[in-house]
C-alpha atoms as a PDB file:
ATOM      1  CA  MET A   1      76.405 105.093  89.287  1.00  0.00           C
ATOM      2  CA  SER A   2      75.518 106.905  92.505  1.00  0.00           C
ATOM      3  CA  THR A   3      76.772 110.365  93.327  1.00  0.00           C
ATOM      4  CA  VAL A   4      79.129 108.967  95.999  1.00  0.00           C
ATOM      5  CA  GLU A   5      80.630 106.513  93.545  1.00  0.00           C
ATOM      6  CA  GLU A   6      81.075 109.235  91.014  1.00  0.00           C
ATOM      7  CA  LYS A   7      82.850 111.415  93.575  1.00  0.00           C
ATOM      8  CA  ARG A   8      85.097 108.550  94.553  1.00  0.00           C
ATOM      9  CA  ALA A   9      85.946 107.781  90.928  1.00  0.00           C
ATOM     10  CA  ALA A  10      86.624 111.490  90.273  1.00  0.00           C
ATOM     11  CA  TYR A  11      88.868 111.625  93.409  1.00  0.00           C
ATOM     12  CA  VAL A  12      90.861 108.615  92.252  1.00  0.00           C
ATOM     13  CA  GLU A  13      91.391 110.042  88.738  1.00  0.00           C
ATOM     14  CA  GLU A  14      92.402 113.445  90.150  1.00  0.00           C
ATOM     15  CA  LYS A  15      95.008 111.925  92.449  1.00  0.00           C
ATOM     16  CA  LEU A  16      96.351 109.740  89.625  1.00  0.00           C
ATOM     17  CA  LYS A  17      96.586 112.742  87.370  1.00  0.00           C
ATOM     18  CA  GLU A  18      98.457 114.699  90.099  1.00  0.00           C
ATOM     19  CA  ASP A  19     100.906 111.917  90.907  1.00  0.00           C
ATOM     20  CA  GLY A  20     101.030 110.465  87.421  1.00  0.00           C
ATOM     21  CA  TYR A  21     101.229 106.901  86.364  1.00  0.00           C
ATOM     22  CA  ARG A  22     104.490 104.989  86.382  1.00  0.00           C
ATOM     23  CA  ASN A  23     105.599 104.421  82.820  1.00  0.00           C
ATOM     24  CA  LEU A  24     107.939 101.956  81.213  1.00  0.00           C
ATOM     25  CA  LYS A  25     110.031 104.596  79.474  1.00  0.00           C
ATOM     26  CA  THR A  26     110.878 106.357  82.689  1.00  0.00           C
ATOM     27  CA  ALA A  27     111.454 103.001  84.469  1.00  0.00           C
ATOM     28  CA  ARG A  28     113.926 102.037  81.751  1.00  0.00           C
ATOM     29  CA  LYS A  29     115.776 105.288  82.168  1.00  0.00           C
ATOM     30  CA  ARG A  30     116.067 104.676  85.873  1.00  0.00           C
ATOM     31  CA  TRP A  31     117.086 101.035  85.262  1.00  0.00           C
ATOM     32  CA  ILE A  32     120.429 102.364  83.912  1.00  0.00           C
ATOM     33  CA  PHE A  33     121.216 103.311  87.519  1.00  0.00           C
ATOM     34  CA  GLY A  34     119.743 100.002  88.702  1.00  0.00           C
ATOM     35  CA  LEU A  35     122.814  98.883  90.584  1.00  0.00           C
ATOM     36  CA  PHE A  36     121.878 101.610  93.045  1.00  0.00           C
ATOM     37  CA  GLY A  37     118.216 100.512  93.139  1.00  0.00           C
ATOM     38  CA  VAL A  38     116.891 103.625  91.425  1.00  0.00           C
ATOM     39  CA  HIS A  39     114.306 101.824  89.312  1.00  0.00           C
ATOM     40  CA  LYS A  40     113.055  99.905  92.412  1.00  0.00           C
ATOM     41  CA  PHE A  41     112.606 103.079  94.335  1.00  0.00           C
ATOM     42  CA  TYR A  42     110.678 104.609  91.379  1.00  0.00           C
ATOM     43  CA  LEU A  43     108.293 101.603  91.409  1.00  0.00           C
ATOM     44  CA  ASN A  44     107.841 101.855  95.210  1.00  0.00           C
ATOM     45  CA  HIS A  45     109.701  98.605  95.869  1.00  0.00           C
ATOM     46  CA  MET A  46     111.693 100.086  98.726  1.00  0.00           C
ATOM     47  CA  GLY A  47     112.837  96.762 100.240  1.00  0.00           C
ATOM     48  CA  SER A  48     114.386  95.391  97.044  1.00  0.00           C
ATOM     49  CA  GLY A  49     115.765  98.826  96.183  1.00  0.00           C
ATOM     50  CA  LEU A  50     117.519  98.907  99.492  1.00  0.00           C
ATOM     51  CA  ALA A  51     118.756  95.315  99.022  1.00  0.00           C
ATOM     52  CA  ILE A  52     120.327  96.112  95.619  1.00  0.00           C
ATOM     53  CA  LEU A  53     121.863  99.327  96.956  1.00  0.00           C
ATOM     54  CA  THR A  54     123.294  97.470  99.944  1.00  0.00           C
ATOM     55  CA  LEU A  55     124.789  94.765  97.711  1.00  0.00           C
ATOM     56  CA  THR A  56     126.404  97.373  95.455  1.00  0.00           C
ATOM     57  CA  LEU A  57     127.731  99.327  98.452  1.00  0.00           C
ATOM     58  CA  ALA A  58     129.075  96.109  99.960  1.00  0.00           C
ATOM     59  CA  PHE A  59     131.082  95.631  96.787  1.00  0.00           C
ATOM     60  CA  LEU A  60     132.322  99.201  96.792  1.00  0.00           C
ATOM     61  CA  PHE A  61     133.526  98.939 100.390  1.00  0.00           C
ATOM     62  CA  ALA A  62     134.973  95.418 100.041  1.00  0.00           C
ATOM     63  CA  PHE A  63     135.900  95.197  96.412  1.00  0.00           C
ATOM     64  CA  LEU A  64     139.202  93.514  97.116  1.00  0.00           C
ATOM     65  CA  THR A  65     137.634  90.624  99.086  1.00  0.00           C
ATOM     66  CA  ASP A  66     135.813  87.605  97.745  1.00  0.00           C
ATOM     67  CA  ILE A  67     132.509  88.648  99.427  1.00  0.00           C
ATOM     68  CA  GLY A  68     132.616  91.963  97.644  1.00  0.00           C
ATOM     69  CA  PHE A  69     132.655  90.287  94.220  1.00  0.00           C
ATOM     70  CA  VAL A  70     129.851  87.929  95.266  1.00  0.00           C
ATOM     71  CA  ALA A  71     127.728  90.895  96.361  1.00  0.00           C
ATOM     72  CA  LEU A  72     128.371  92.664  93.040  1.00  0.00           C
ATOM     73  CA  ALA A  73     127.574  89.482  91.051  1.00  0.00           C
ATOM     74  CA  ILE A  74     124.262  89.095  92.863  1.00  0.00           C
ATOM     75  CA  ALA A  75     123.395  92.803  92.249  1.00  0.00           C
ATOM     76  CA  ILE A  76     124.272  92.528  88.572  1.00  0.00           C
ATOM     77  CA  ILE A  77     122.228  89.359  88.050  1.00  0.00           C
ATOM     78  CA  TRP A  78     119.246  90.998  89.830  1.00  0.00           C
ATOM     79  CA  TRP A  79     119.679  94.115  87.707  1.00  0.00           C
ATOM     80  CA  ILE A  80     119.695  92.166  84.432  1.00  0.00           C
ATOM     81  CA  VAL A  81     116.618  90.138  85.450  1.00  0.00           C
ATOM     82  CA  ASP A  82     114.796  93.390  86.277  1.00  0.00           C
ATOM     83  CA  LEU A  83     115.365  94.635  82.752  1.00  0.00           C
ATOM     84  CA  PHE A  84     113.027  91.842  81.475  1.00  0.00           C
ATOM     85  CA  ARG A  85     110.603  92.238  84.367  1.00  0.00           C
ATOM     86  CA  LEU A  86     110.181  96.073  83.989  1.00  0.00           C
ATOM     87  CA  PRO A  87     106.908  96.006  82.045  1.00  0.00           C
ATOM     88  CA  LYS A  88     105.239  93.796  84.655  1.00  0.00           C
ATOM     89  CA  LEU A  89     106.748  95.773  87.530  1.00  0.00           C
ATOM     90  CA  VAL A  90     105.381  99.066  86.103  1.00  0.00           C
ATOM     91  CA  GLU A  91     101.966  97.534  85.616  1.00  0.00           C
ATOM     92  CA  GLN A  92     101.865  96.215  89.187  1.00  0.00           C
ATOM     93  CA  ALA A  93     103.047  99.637  90.567  1.00  0.00           C
ATOM     94  CA  ASN A  94     100.176 101.368  88.757  1.00  0.00           C
ATOM     95  CA  ILE A  95      97.666  98.824  90.054  1.00  0.00           C
ATOM     96  CA  VAL A  96      98.885  99.266  93.609  1.00  0.00           C
ATOM     97  CA  GLN A  97      98.775 103.056  93.272  1.00  0.00           C
ATOM     98  CA  ARG A  98      95.164 102.962  91.904  1.00  0.00           C
ATOM     99  CA  GLU A  99      94.020 100.601  94.671  1.00  0.00           C
ATOM    100  CA  TYR A 100      95.619 102.867  97.287  1.00  0.00           C
ATOM    101  CA  TYR A 101      93.683 105.902  95.981  1.00  0.00           C
ATOM    102  CA  GLU A 102      90.465 103.923  95.722  1.00  0.00           C
ATOM    103  CA  GLU A 103      90.772 102.943  99.405  1.00  0.00           C
ATOM    104  CA  GLU A 104      91.597 106.529 100.306  1.00  0.00           C
ATOM    105  CA  ALA A 105      88.563 107.711  98.393  1.00  0.00           C
ATOM    106  CA  GLU A 106      86.357 105.282 100.307  1.00  0.00           C
ATOM    107  CA  ARG A 107      87.706 106.592 103.613  1.00  0.00           C
ATOM    108  CA  ARG A 108      87.288 110.260 102.658  1.00  0.00           C
ATOM    109  CA  ILE A 109      83.988 110.164 100.744  1.00  0.00           C
ATOM    110  CA  HIS A 110      81.164 108.583 102.681  1.00  0.00           C
ATOM    111  CA  LYS A 111      77.586 107.837 101.758  1.00  0.00           C
END
């Protein structure tokens, strides 16, 4: 391995050590608050985290109407499905994080 590649690999490992890997145990703890999208935000899925949060808030603001219960039902189903998807979601988040730091290392460390 060349010196540049070694520097890039060291950079990636250093950044991952600083930021830490996402882990399943922490994701499961955050899943408990999943109706507010907490586990999605932890895994950097901001769009779906905001969607779940919006559905839950729609229920809270309109809980006496039919649409409020539909929103809550969708959020609860999504939340339960995520419980079974958490291992794969954590793995994907770690892959994306590693790829990001590898690209950053390429930009910062030149031949």
